[in-house]
Amino acid sequence: MKWIVITSPDFVSGEALFIDRLFGHGLDLLHLRKPGSTIEVCRELLRQIPEQWHSRIVLHDHFPLTSEFLLHGVHLNRRCPHASDGYTGSISCSCHSLEEVAKKKPTSDYVFLSPIFNSISKAGYEAAFSTAALHKAAAESLIDNKVYALGGVSKEHIAQLKELSFGGAAFLGDVWRRMDDPTVDAYLDELRNLLG
């Protein structure tokens, strides 16, 4: 199962160092999501991240930086709904219904489905799918290795996500709230082991 971390929407002190740590613990992909940021500040953050990890970074904004830094891909969204003409890298997007997954999965390398669980970082943002609906979608192969769970994901959910056939788990609040925790390295190792 793929391990994805989405950045905090705000820039945080020590972020590039923490991103380096995440990759050092086996992170598969980092989604760089900084809505409202300028291309210059995103470029500066990318410069601070060791070049060896650039091929595992996906942008949600400022898509021209993908070619400048040889990044993994782009994540389409309301702010940036299309990749550049001739773009050949990875394309992903977010889905908020199973119908949207059926529509967007064929034209994406992978999609996020959210919110699967109650959000950790957004108060009042609750799970949108029943367990029965998710099991049915998995049985129909709508949820498969191209669908990654997002929304309230923590280590306690990994076994359930595997049972539901999700191809990946995207973490946001659960990881970033632990950034300064002295036990974070052990937690990150545990995540990697549980995800396989």
N, C-alpha and C. Protein backbone atom coordinates (compact mmCIF):
# COMPACT_ATOMS: atom_id res chain seq x y z
N MET A 1 0.85 -1.18 0.00
CA MET A 1 0.00 0.00 0.00
C MET A 1 0.89 1.24 0.00
N LYS A 2 0.59 2.19 -0.90
CA LYS A 2 1.39 3.42 -1.00
C LYS A 2 1.17 4.32 0.21
N TRP A 3 2.26 4.97 0.63
CA TRP A 3 2.23 5.91 1.75
C TRP A 3 2.44 7.31 1.19
N ILE A 4 1.40 8.15 1.33
CA ILE A 4 1.43 9.52 0.84
C ILE A 4 1.25 10.46 2.03
N VAL A 5 1.97 11.56 2.01
CA VAL A 5 1.75 12.63 2.98
C VAL A 5 1.47 13.90 2.19
N ILE A 6 0.45 14.62 2.60
CA ILE A 6 0.11 15.92 2.02
C ILE A 6 0.63 16.98 2.98
N THR A 7 1.30 18.00 2.45
CA THR A 7 1.84 19.03 3.32
C THR A 7 0.72 19.81 4.01
N SER A 8 1.08 20.41 5.12
CA SER A 8 0.19 21.37 5.76
C SER A 8 -0.04 22.50 4.76
N PRO A 9 -1.25 23.09 4.72
CA PRO A 9 -1.48 24.17 3.75
C PRO A 9 -0.62 25.41 4.02
N ASP A 10 -0.18 25.57 5.25
CA ASP A 10 0.67 26.70 5.62
C ASP A 10 2.12 26.24 5.69
N PHE A 11 3.03 27.16 5.43
CA PHE A 11 4.45 26.85 5.58
C PHE A 11 4.78 26.78 7.06
N VAL A 12 5.54 25.78 7.46
CA VAL A 12 5.91 25.63 8.87
C VAL A 12 7.42 25.58 9.01
N SER A 13 7.90 26.07 10.12
CA SER A 13 9.34 26.08 10.38
C SER A 13 9.87 24.65 10.41
N GLY A 14 10.97 24.43 9.73
CA GLY A 14 11.58 23.10 9.70
C GLY A 14 10.91 22.12 8.76
N GLU A 15 10.04 22.62 7.89
CA GLU A 15 9.25 21.75 7.02
C GLU A 15 10.13 20.92 6.08
N ALA A 16 11.10 21.53 5.43
CA ALA A 16 11.95 20.79 4.48
C ALA A 16 12.72 19.68 5.19
N LEU A 17 13.19 19.96 6.40
CA LEU A 17 13.92 18.94 7.17
C LEU A 17 13.00 17.78 7.52
N PHE A 18 11.75 18.11 7.89
CA PHE A 18 10.79 17.05 8.24
C PHE A 18 10.42 16.23 7.01
N ILE A 19 10.28 16.90 5.87
CA ILE A 19 9.99 16.18 4.62
C ILE A 19 11.12 15.21 4.30
N ASP A 20 12.36 15.65 4.49
CA ASP A 20 13.51 14.77 4.28
C ASP A 20 13.42 13.55 5.21
N ARG A 21 13.01 13.79 6.45
CA ARG A 21 12.84 12.68 7.42
C ARG A 21 11.77 11.71 6.97
N LEU A 22 10.65 12.26 6.48
CA LEU A 22 9.56 11.40 6.00
C LEU A 22 10.06 10.46 4.90
N PHE A 23 10.76 11.03 3.93
CA PHE A 23 11.30 10.19 2.86
C PHE A 23 12.30 9.19 3.40
N GLY A 24 13.09 9.60 4.36
CA GLY A 24 14.05 8.69 4.97
C GLY A 24 13.40 7.51 5.67
N HIS A 25 12.14 7.68 6.07
CA HIS A 25 11.39 6.59 6.72
C HIS A 25 10.57 5.79 5.71
N GLY A 26 10.74 6.07 4.42
CA GLY A 26 10.09 5.25 3.41
C GLY A 26 8.86 5.83 2.75
N LEU A 27 8.60 7.13 2.94
CA LEU A 27 7.46 7.77 2.29
C LEU A 27 7.54 7.54 0.78
N ASP A 28 6.40 7.18 0.17
CA ASP A 28 6.36 6.95 -1.27
C ASP A 28 6.22 8.26 -2.04
N LEU A 29 5.25 9.08 -1.66
CA LEU A 29 5.00 10.34 -2.37
C LEU A 29 4.64 11.44 -1.39
N LEU A 30 5.13 12.64 -1.68
CA LEU A 30 4.74 13.84 -0.94
C LEU A 30 3.92 14.71 -1.87
N HIS A 31 2.73 15.10 -1.42
CA HIS A 31 1.91 16.05 -2.17
C HIS A 31 2.15 17.43 -1.58
N LEU A 32 2.75 18.30 -2.38
CA LEU A 32 3.03 19.68 -1.96
C LEU A 32 1.81 20.53 -2.28
N ARG A 33 1.06 20.85 -1.23
CA ARG A 33 -0.19 21.61 -1.37
C ARG A 33 -0.09 22.86 -0.50
N LYS A 34 0.07 23.99 -1.15
CA LYS A 34 0.17 25.28 -0.45
C LYS A 34 -0.74 26.28 -1.15
N PRO A 35 -2.06 26.15 -0.99
CA PRO A 35 -2.98 27.05 -1.70
C PRO A 35 -2.72 28.50 -1.32
N GLY A 36 -2.74 29.36 -2.31
CA GLY A 36 -2.52 30.78 -2.06
C GLY A 36 -1.06 31.19 -2.02
N SER A 37 -0.16 30.25 -2.13
CA SER A 37 1.27 30.58 -2.09
C SER A 37 1.74 31.08 -3.45
N THR A 38 2.86 31.77 -3.45
CA THR A 38 3.46 32.21 -4.71
C THR A 38 4.39 31.12 -5.24
N ILE A 39 4.66 31.19 -6.52
CA ILE A 39 5.59 30.22 -7.12
C ILE A 39 6.97 30.35 -6.50
N GLU A 40 7.35 31.58 -6.10
CA GLU A 40 8.68 31.79 -5.53
C GLU A 40 8.86 31.06 -4.20
N VAL A 41 7.85 31.11 -3.33
CA VAL A 41 8.01 30.44 -2.03
C VAL A 41 7.96 28.92 -2.19
N CYS A 42 7.17 28.43 -3.14
CA CYS A 42 7.17 26.98 -3.40
C CYS A 42 8.51 26.54 -3.98
N ARG A 43 9.05 27.36 -4.87
CA ARG A 43 10.37 27.05 -5.44
C ARG A 43 11.42 26.99 -4.34
N GLU A 44 11.35 27.92 -3.39
CA GLU A 44 12.34 27.95 -2.31
C GLU A 44 12.21 26.71 -1.42
N LEU A 45 10.98 26.28 -1.13
CA LEU A 45 10.81 25.06 -0.35
C LEU A 45 11.39 23.86 -1.10
N LEU A 46 11.12 23.77 -2.39
CA LEU A 46 11.66 22.66 -3.19
C LEU A 46 13.18 22.67 -3.19
N ARG A 47 13.77 23.84 -3.23
CA ARG A 47 15.24 23.94 -3.20
C ARG A 47 15.81 23.40 -1.89
N GLN A 48 15.03 23.52 -0.81
CA GLN A 48 15.50 23.07 0.51
C GLN A 48 15.35 21.56 0.70
N ILE A 49 14.55 20.92 -0.14
CA ILE A 49 14.35 19.47 -0.05
C ILE A 49 15.44 18.79 -0.88
N PRO A 50 16.16 17.82 -0.31
CA PRO A 50 17.23 17.16 -1.07
C PRO A 50 16.74 16.66 -2.44
N GLU A 51 17.56 16.90 -3.44
CA GLU A 51 17.22 16.58 -4.83
C GLU A 51 16.86 15.10 -5.02
N GLN A 52 17.41 14.23 -4.21
CA GLN A 52 17.13 12.79 -4.36
C GLN A 52 15.65 12.47 -4.17
N TRP A 53 14.89 13.37 -3.53
CA TRP A 53 13.47 13.13 -3.28
C TRP A 53 12.56 13.80 -4.30
N HIS A 54 13.09 14.65 -5.16
CA HIS A 54 12.25 15.43 -6.07
C HIS A 54 11.37 14.55 -6.95
N SER A 55 11.86 13.41 -7.37
CA SER A 55 11.07 12.54 -8.25
C SER A 55 9.90 11.88 -7.52
N ARG A 56 9.74 12.18 -6.24
CA ARG A 56 8.63 11.61 -5.45
C ARG A 56 7.73 12.71 -4.88
N ILE A 57 7.77 13.88 -5.53
CA ILE A 57 6.96 15.02 -5.09
C ILE A 57 5.93 15.36 -6.16
N VAL A 58 4.69 15.59 -5.71
CA VAL A 58 3.57 15.94 -6.58
C VAL A 58 3.11 17.34 -6.20
N LEU A 59 2.86 18.19 -7.20
CA LEU A 59 2.42 19.56 -6.95
C LEU A 59 0.92 19.72 -7.11
N HIS A 60 0.34 20.55 -6.24
CA HIS A 60 -1.07 20.94 -6.36
C HIS A 60 -1.20 22.31 -7.00
N ASP A 61 -0.14 23.06 -7.09
CA ASP A 61 -0.12 24.41 -7.67
C ASP A 61 1.22 24.61 -8.37
N HIS A 62 1.26 25.66 -9.20
CA HIS A 62 2.52 26.07 -9.86
C HIS A 62 3.15 24.91 -10.63
N PHE A 63 2.35 24.33 -11.52
CA PHE A 63 2.77 23.16 -12.28
C PHE A 63 4.07 23.33 -13.08
N PRO A 64 4.44 24.54 -13.54
CA PRO A 64 5.72 24.67 -14.25
C PRO A 64 6.93 24.20 -13.42
N LEU A 65 6.79 24.17 -12.11
CA LEU A 65 7.90 23.71 -11.26
C LEU A 65 8.19 22.21 -11.45
N THR A 66 7.22 21.47 -12.00
CA THR A 66 7.46 20.03 -12.19
C THR A 66 8.61 19.79 -13.15
N SER A 67 8.69 20.57 -14.22
CA SER A 67 9.80 20.39 -15.16
C SER A 67 11.09 21.02 -14.64
N GLU A 68 10.96 22.12 -13.92
CA GLU A 68 12.15 22.78 -13.36
C GLU A 68 12.89 21.88 -12.37
N PHE A 69 12.12 21.13 -11.56
CA PHE A 69 12.72 20.29 -10.51
C PHE A 69 12.63 18.79 -10.81
N LEU A 70 12.10 18.43 -11.99
CA LEU A 70 11.93 17.02 -12.38
C LEU A 70 11.12 16.25 -11.32
N LEU A 71 9.94 16.79 -11.02
CA LEU A 71 9.07 16.22 -9.99
C LEU A 71 8.23 15.08 -10.55
N HIS A 72 7.60 14.33 -9.63
CA HIS A 72 6.82 13.14 -9.99
C HIS A 72 5.57 13.48 -10.80
N GLY A 73 4.83 14.51 -10.37
CA GLY A 73 3.58 14.76 -11.06
C GLY A 73 2.81 15.96 -10.56
N VAL A 74 1.56 16.03 -11.06
CA VAL A 74 0.65 17.13 -10.70
C VAL A 74 -0.65 16.54 -10.18
N HIS A 75 -1.29 17.31 -9.29
CA HIS A 75 -2.58 16.93 -8.73
C HIS A 75 -3.59 17.98 -9.17
N LEU A 76 -4.51 17.59 -10.04
CA LEU A 76 -5.49 18.53 -10.57
C LEU A 76 -6.51 18.89 -9.50
N ASN A 77 -6.95 20.16 -9.53
CA ASN A 77 -7.88 20.66 -8.52
C ASN A 77 -8.60 21.89 -9.08
N ARG A 78 -9.45 22.51 -8.28
CA ARG A 78 -10.20 23.69 -8.76
C ARG A 78 -9.27 24.83 -9.16
N ARG A 79 -8.17 25.01 -8.43
CA ARG A 79 -7.24 26.10 -8.75
C ARG A 79 -6.47 25.80 -10.04
N CYS A 80 -6.15 24.56 -10.25
CA CYS A 80 -5.34 24.12 -11.41
C CYS A 80 -6.01 22.88 -12.00
N PRO A 81 -7.04 23.07 -12.84
CA PRO A 81 -7.83 21.92 -13.31
C PRO A 81 -7.23 21.12 -14.46
N HIS A 82 -6.14 21.63 -15.07
CA HIS A 82 -5.58 20.94 -16.23
C HIS A 82 -4.06 20.92 -16.16
N ALA A 83 -3.48 19.84 -16.65
CA ALA A 83 -2.02 19.79 -16.82
C ALA A 83 -1.68 20.55 -18.10
N SER A 84 -0.43 20.95 -18.23
CA SER A 84 0.02 21.66 -19.43
C SER A 84 -0.09 20.76 -20.65
N ASP A 85 -0.28 21.35 -21.81
CA ASP A 85 -0.29 20.58 -23.06
C ASP A 85 1.03 19.84 -23.19
N GLY A 86 0.96 18.58 -23.54
CA GLY A 86 2.15 17.78 -23.73
C GLY A 86 2.75 17.22 -22.45
N TYR A 87 2.11 17.48 -21.31
CA TYR A 87 2.63 16.97 -20.04
C TYR A 87 2.54 15.45 -20.02
N THR A 88 3.62 14.79 -19.60
CA THR A 88 3.64 13.32 -19.62
C THR A 88 3.87 12.69 -18.25
N GLY A 89 3.96 13.50 -17.20
CA GLY A 89 4.17 12.97 -15.86
C GLY A 89 2.89 12.42 -15.25
N SER A 90 2.97 12.04 -14.00
CA SER A 90 1.84 11.48 -13.27
C SER A 90 0.75 12.54 -13.06
N ILE A 91 -0.50 12.11 -13.19
CA ILE A 91 -1.65 12.99 -12.95
C ILE A 91 -2.56 12.31 -11.94
N SER A 92 -2.90 13.07 -10.89
CA SER A 92 -3.84 12.59 -9.88
C SER A 92 -4.89 13.67 -9.64
N CYS A 93 -5.93 13.32 -8.92
CA CYS A 93 -6.97 14.28 -8.57
C CYS A 93 -7.71 13.77 -7.34
N SER A 94 -8.55 14.62 -6.77
CA SER A 94 -9.34 14.25 -5.59
C SER A 94 -10.78 14.00 -5.99
N CYS A 95 -11.39 13.00 -5.36
CA CYS A 95 -12.79 12.67 -5.59
C CYS A 95 -13.52 12.67 -4.25
N HIS A 96 -14.76 13.15 -4.28
CA HIS A 96 -15.55 13.22 -3.05
C HIS A 96 -16.83 12.40 -3.13
N SER A 97 -16.91 11.56 -4.17
CA SER A 97 -18.02 10.61 -4.29
C SER A 97 -17.51 9.40 -5.07
N LEU A 98 -18.20 8.30 -4.93
CA LEU A 98 -17.83 7.09 -5.67
C LEU A 98 -18.10 7.27 -7.16
N GLU A 99 -19.11 8.07 -7.49
CA GLU A 99 -19.41 8.36 -8.89
C GLU A 99 -18.25 9.13 -9.54
N GLU A 100 -17.69 10.05 -8.77
CA GLU A 100 -16.54 10.82 -9.25
C GLU A 100 -15.33 9.91 -9.47
N VAL A 101 -15.14 8.93 -8.60
CA VAL A 101 -14.05 7.96 -8.78
C VAL A 101 -14.23 7.23 -10.11
N ALA A 102 -15.44 6.75 -10.37
CA ALA A 102 -15.71 6.01 -11.61
C ALA A 102 -15.41 6.87 -12.83
N LYS A 103 -15.69 8.16 -12.74
CA LYS A 103 -15.49 9.08 -13.86
C LYS A 103 -14.01 9.45 -14.05
N LYS A 104 -13.31 9.70 -12.96
CA LYS A 104 -11.95 10.26 -13.05
C LYS A 104 -10.83 9.22 -13.02
N LYS A 105 -11.10 8.05 -12.49
CA LYS A 105 -10.05 7.03 -12.37
C LYS A 105 -9.44 6.64 -13.73
N PRO A 106 -10.24 6.50 -14.79
CA PRO A 106 -9.65 6.09 -16.07
C PRO A 106 -8.64 7.09 -16.66
N THR A 107 -8.75 8.37 -16.31
CA THR A 107 -7.86 9.38 -16.88
C THR A 107 -6.79 9.85 -15.89
N SER A 108 -6.67 9.16 -14.76
CA SER A 108 -5.70 9.54 -13.73
C SER A 108 -4.80 8.36 -13.42
N ASP A 109 -3.59 8.66 -12.97
CA ASP A 109 -2.71 7.59 -12.50
C ASP A 109 -3.19 7.04 -11.16
N TYR A 110 -3.78 7.93 -10.34
CA TYR A 110 -4.44 7.54 -9.10
C TYR A 110 -5.33 8.69 -8.66
N VAL A 111 -6.28 8.38 -7.78
CA VAL A 111 -7.19 9.40 -7.24
C VAL A 111 -7.26 9.27 -5.73
N PHE A 112 -7.51 10.39 -5.07
CA PHE A 112 -7.81 10.38 -3.64
C PHE A 112 -9.33 10.30 -3.51
N LEU A 113 -9.80 9.50 -2.57
CA LEU A 113 -11.22 9.48 -2.21
C LEU A 113 -11.32 9.98 -0.78
N SER A 114 -12.14 11.03 -0.58
CA SER A 114 -12.24 11.60 0.77
C SER A 114 -13.60 12.24 0.99
N PRO A 115 -13.95 12.46 2.26
CA PRO A 115 -13.26 12.00 3.47
C PRO A 115 -13.70 10.59 3.87
N ILE A 116 -12.72 9.72 4.09
CA ILE A 116 -13.01 8.34 4.49
C ILE A 116 -13.32 8.27 5.98
N PHE A 117 -12.57 9.01 6.78
CA PHE A 117 -12.79 9.08 8.23
C PHE A 117 -12.96 10.54 8.62
N ASN A 118 -13.38 10.79 9.85
CA ASN A 118 -13.50 12.17 10.33
C ASN A 118 -12.13 12.83 10.32
N SER A 119 -12.08 14.04 9.79
CA SER A 119 -10.81 14.75 9.63
C SER A 119 -10.13 15.02 10.97
N ILE A 120 -8.80 14.94 10.95
CA ILE A 120 -7.99 15.28 12.11
C ILE A 120 -7.66 16.77 12.10
N SER A 121 -7.47 17.34 10.90
CA SER A 121 -7.02 18.73 10.79
C SER A 121 -8.14 19.73 10.50
N LYS A 122 -9.31 19.27 10.07
CA LYS A 122 -10.42 20.17 9.75
C LYS A 122 -11.62 19.84 10.63
N ALA A 123 -11.91 20.70 11.58
CA ALA A 123 -13.03 20.47 12.50
C ALA A 123 -14.35 20.41 11.71
N GLY A 124 -15.18 19.43 12.04
CA GLY A 124 -16.49 19.31 11.43
C GLY A 124 -16.49 18.63 10.06
N TYR A 125 -15.34 18.24 9.56
CA TYR A 125 -15.23 17.58 8.26
C TYR A 125 -15.29 16.08 8.53
N GLU A 126 -16.50 15.51 8.35
CA GLU A 126 -16.74 14.13 8.78
C GLU A 126 -16.76 13.15 7.62
N ALA A 127 -16.59 11.88 7.96
CA ALA A 127 -16.58 10.80 6.97
C ALA A 127 -17.83 10.87 6.10
N ALA A 128 -17.66 10.65 4.80
CA ALA A 128 -18.76 10.79 3.85
C ALA A 128 -19.29 9.45 3.35
N PHE A 129 -18.68 8.35 3.77
CA PHE A 129 -19.04 7.04 3.23
C PHE A 129 -19.28 6.04 4.35
N SER A 130 -20.32 5.24 4.20
CA SER A 130 -20.56 4.17 5.17
C SER A 130 -19.59 3.03 4.88
N THR A 131 -19.34 2.23 5.89
CA THR A 131 -18.48 1.06 5.71
C THR A 131 -19.09 0.13 4.66
N ALA A 132 -20.41 -0.01 4.67
CA ALA A 132 -21.08 -0.87 3.69
C ALA A 132 -20.87 -0.37 2.27
N ALA A 133 -20.96 0.94 2.06
CA ALA A 133 -20.77 1.51 0.72
C ALA A 133 -19.33 1.29 0.24
N LEU A 134 -18.37 1.41 1.15
CA LEU A 134 -16.97 1.20 0.79
C LEU A 134 -16.70 -0.27 0.46
N HIS A 135 -17.30 -1.18 1.24
CA HIS A 135 -17.15 -2.62 0.95
C HIS A 135 -17.75 -2.97 -0.41
N LYS A 136 -18.90 -2.38 -0.71
CA LYS A 136 -19.55 -2.63 -2.00
C LYS A 136 -18.67 -2.11 -3.14
N ALA A 137 -18.12 -0.91 -2.98
CA ALA A 137 -17.25 -0.32 -4.01
C ALA A 137 -16.00 -1.17 -4.21
N ALA A 138 -15.47 -1.73 -3.12
CA ALA A 138 -14.30 -2.60 -3.23
C ALA A 138 -14.67 -3.91 -3.94
N ALA A 139 -15.83 -4.47 -3.60
CA ALA A 139 -16.27 -5.72 -4.22
C ALA A 139 -16.49 -5.55 -5.73
N GLU A 140 -16.88 -4.34 -6.13
CA GLU A 140 -17.10 -4.03 -7.55
C GLU A 140 -15.83 -3.53 -8.24
N SER A 141 -14.71 -3.56 -7.52
CA SER A 141 -13.40 -3.09 -8.02
C SER A 141 -13.38 -1.61 -8.37
N LEU A 142 -14.33 -0.86 -7.82
CA LEU A 142 -14.27 0.60 -7.98
C LEU A 142 -13.14 1.14 -7.11
N ILE A 143 -13.03 0.61 -5.89
CA ILE A 143 -11.87 0.89 -5.04
C ILE A 143 -10.84 -0.18 -5.36
N ASP A 144 -9.67 0.27 -5.80
CA ASP A 144 -8.59 -0.66 -6.16
C ASP A 144 -7.25 0.03 -5.93
N ASN A 145 -6.20 -0.47 -6.56
CA ASN A 145 -4.86 0.08 -6.30
C ASN A 145 -4.67 1.50 -6.82
N LYS A 146 -5.62 2.02 -7.61
CA LYS A 146 -5.54 3.40 -8.09
C LYS A 146 -6.30 4.38 -7.21
N VAL A 147 -6.93 3.89 -6.14
CA VAL A 147 -7.71 4.75 -5.25
C VAL A 147 -7.05 4.80 -3.89
N TYR A 148 -6.73 6.02 -3.45
CA TYR A 148 -6.03 6.23 -2.18
C TYR A 148 -6.98 6.91 -1.19
N ALA A 149 -7.00 6.41 0.02
CA ALA A 149 -7.88 6.95 1.06
C ALA A 149 -7.29 8.23 1.64
N LEU A 150 -8.16 9.22 1.85
CA LEU A 150 -7.78 10.50 2.44
C LEU A 150 -8.87 10.94 3.40
N GLY A 151 -8.48 11.61 4.45
CA GLY A 151 -9.44 12.16 5.40
C GLY A 151 -9.43 11.40 6.71
N GLY A 152 -8.75 11.96 7.70
CA GLY A 152 -8.72 11.36 9.03
C GLY A 152 -7.90 10.09 9.13
N VAL A 153 -7.05 9.83 8.14
CA VAL A 153 -6.28 8.58 8.12
C VAL A 153 -5.18 8.61 9.19
N SER A 154 -5.12 7.54 9.97
CA SER A 154 -4.07 7.36 10.98
C SER A 154 -3.71 5.87 11.01
N LYS A 155 -2.72 5.52 11.81
CA LYS A 155 -2.26 4.12 11.82
C LYS A 155 -3.36 3.15 12.21
N GLU A 156 -4.30 3.60 13.02
CA GLU A 156 -5.39 2.73 13.46
C GLU A 156 -6.29 2.29 12.31
N HIS A 157 -6.23 2.99 11.18
CA HIS A 157 -7.11 2.69 10.05
C HIS A 157 -6.47 1.82 8.97
N ILE A 158 -5.18 1.58 9.06
CA ILE A 158 -4.48 0.93 7.95
C ILE A 158 -5.03 -0.46 7.65
N ALA A 159 -5.27 -1.27 8.66
CA ALA A 159 -5.80 -2.63 8.41
C ALA A 159 -7.15 -2.56 7.69
N GLN A 160 -8.00 -1.64 8.11
CA GLN A 160 -9.31 -1.50 7.47
C GLN A 160 -9.16 -1.04 6.02
N LEU A 161 -8.24 -0.12 5.76
CA LEU A 161 -8.02 0.37 4.39
C LEU A 161 -7.51 -0.75 3.49
N LYS A 162 -6.65 -1.60 4.03
CA LYS A 162 -6.17 -2.75 3.25
C LYS A 162 -7.32 -3.70 2.94
N GLU A 163 -8.16 -3.95 3.93
CA GLU A 163 -9.31 -4.83 3.75
C GLU A 163 -10.25 -4.30 2.66
N LEU A 164 -10.32 -2.96 2.55
CA LEU A 164 -11.19 -2.32 1.56
C LEU A 164 -10.52 -2.18 0.19
N SER A 165 -9.31 -2.68 0.05
CA SER A 165 -8.58 -2.70 -1.23
C SER A 165 -8.05 -1.35 -1.70
N PHE A 166 -7.93 -0.38 -0.79
CA PHE A 166 -7.33 0.90 -1.18
C PHE A 166 -5.87 0.67 -1.57
N GLY A 167 -5.43 1.37 -2.60
CA GLY A 167 -4.06 1.23 -3.06
C GLY A 167 -3.07 2.09 -2.31
N GLY A 168 -3.59 3.04 -1.54
CA GLY A 168 -2.71 3.92 -0.78
C GLY A 168 -3.47 4.62 0.32
N ALA A 169 -2.69 5.20 1.23
CA ALA A 169 -3.25 5.96 2.35
C ALA A 169 -2.56 7.32 2.38
N ALA A 170 -3.35 8.39 2.36
CA ALA A 170 -2.81 9.75 2.37
C ALA A 170 -3.01 10.36 3.75
N PHE A 171 -1.91 10.78 4.34
CA PHE A 171 -1.90 11.35 5.69
C PHE A 171 -1.69 12.85 5.62
N LEU A 172 -2.36 13.57 6.51
CA LEU A 172 -2.14 15.00 6.63
C LEU A 172 -2.02 15.33 8.12
N GLY A 173 -3.15 15.58 8.77
CA GLY A 173 -3.14 16.00 10.17
C GLY A 173 -2.42 15.05 11.11
N ASP A 174 -2.60 13.75 10.91
CA ASP A 174 -1.99 12.77 11.80
C ASP A 174 -0.47 12.86 11.82
N VAL A 175 0.14 13.13 10.68
CA VAL A 175 1.60 13.21 10.61
C VAL A 175 2.10 14.58 11.05
N TRP A 176 1.48 15.65 10.55
CA TRP A 176 2.00 16.99 10.84
C TRP A 176 1.85 17.39 12.30
N ARG A 177 0.84 16.87 12.98
CA ARG A 177 0.70 17.20 14.41
C ARG A 177 1.79 16.54 15.26
N ARG A 178 2.49 15.57 14.69
CA ARG A 178 3.55 14.86 15.41
C ARG A 178 4.95 15.38 15.06
N MET A 179 5.04 16.40 14.24
CA MET A 179 6.32 16.87 13.72
C MET A 179 7.36 17.11 14.82
N ASP A 180 6.94 17.67 15.94
CA ASP A 180 7.88 17.98 17.03
C ASP A 180 7.84 16.96 18.16
N ASP A 181 7.11 15.88 17.97
CA ASP A 181 7.01 14.83 18.99
C ASP A 181 8.33 14.04 19.02
N PRO A 182 8.93 13.87 20.19
CA PRO A 182 10.20 13.13 20.26
C PRO A 182 10.09 11.67 19.81
N THR A 183 8.87 11.12 19.76
CA THR A 183 8.70 9.72 19.34
C THR A 183 8.29 9.60 17.87
N VAL A 184 8.37 10.70 17.12
CA VAL A 184 7.88 10.70 15.74
C VAL A 184 8.60 9.67 14.86
N ASP A 185 9.89 9.47 15.06
CA ASP A 185 10.62 8.51 14.21
C ASP A 185 10.08 7.10 14.38
N ALA A 186 9.80 6.71 15.61
CA ALA A 186 9.24 5.38 15.86
C ALA A 186 7.85 5.27 15.22
N TYR A 187 7.07 6.35 15.30
CA TYR A 187 5.73 6.34 14.70
C TYR A 187 5.82 6.19 13.19
N LEU A 188 6.73 6.93 12.56
CA LEU A 188 6.89 6.85 11.11
C LEU A 188 7.34 5.46 10.68
N ASP A 189 8.23 4.85 11.44
CA ASP A 189 8.65 3.48 11.14
C ASP A 189 7.47 2.52 11.24
N GLU A 190 6.64 2.74 12.26
CA GLU A 190 5.47 1.88 12.44
C GLU A 190 4.50 2.03 11.27
N LEU A 191 4.28 3.27 10.82
CA LEU A 191 3.42 3.49 9.66
C LEU A 191 3.94 2.73 8.45
N ARG A 192 5.24 2.87 8.17
CA ARG A 192 5.82 2.21 7.00
C ARG A 192 5.65 0.70 7.10
N ASN A 193 5.87 0.14 8.28
CA ASN A 193 5.73 -1.31 8.46
C ASN A 193 4.29 -1.77 8.28
N LEU A 194 3.34 -1.00 8.82
CA LEU A 194 1.93 -1.37 8.70
C LEU A 194 1.44 -1.27 7.25
N LEU A 195 1.94 -0.27 6.53
CA LEU A 195 1.52 -0.08 5.15
C LEU A 195 2.12 -1.13 4.22
N GLY A 196 3.24 -1.70 4.64
CA GLY A 196 3.87 -2.77 3.86
C GLY A 196 4.83 -2.25 2.81
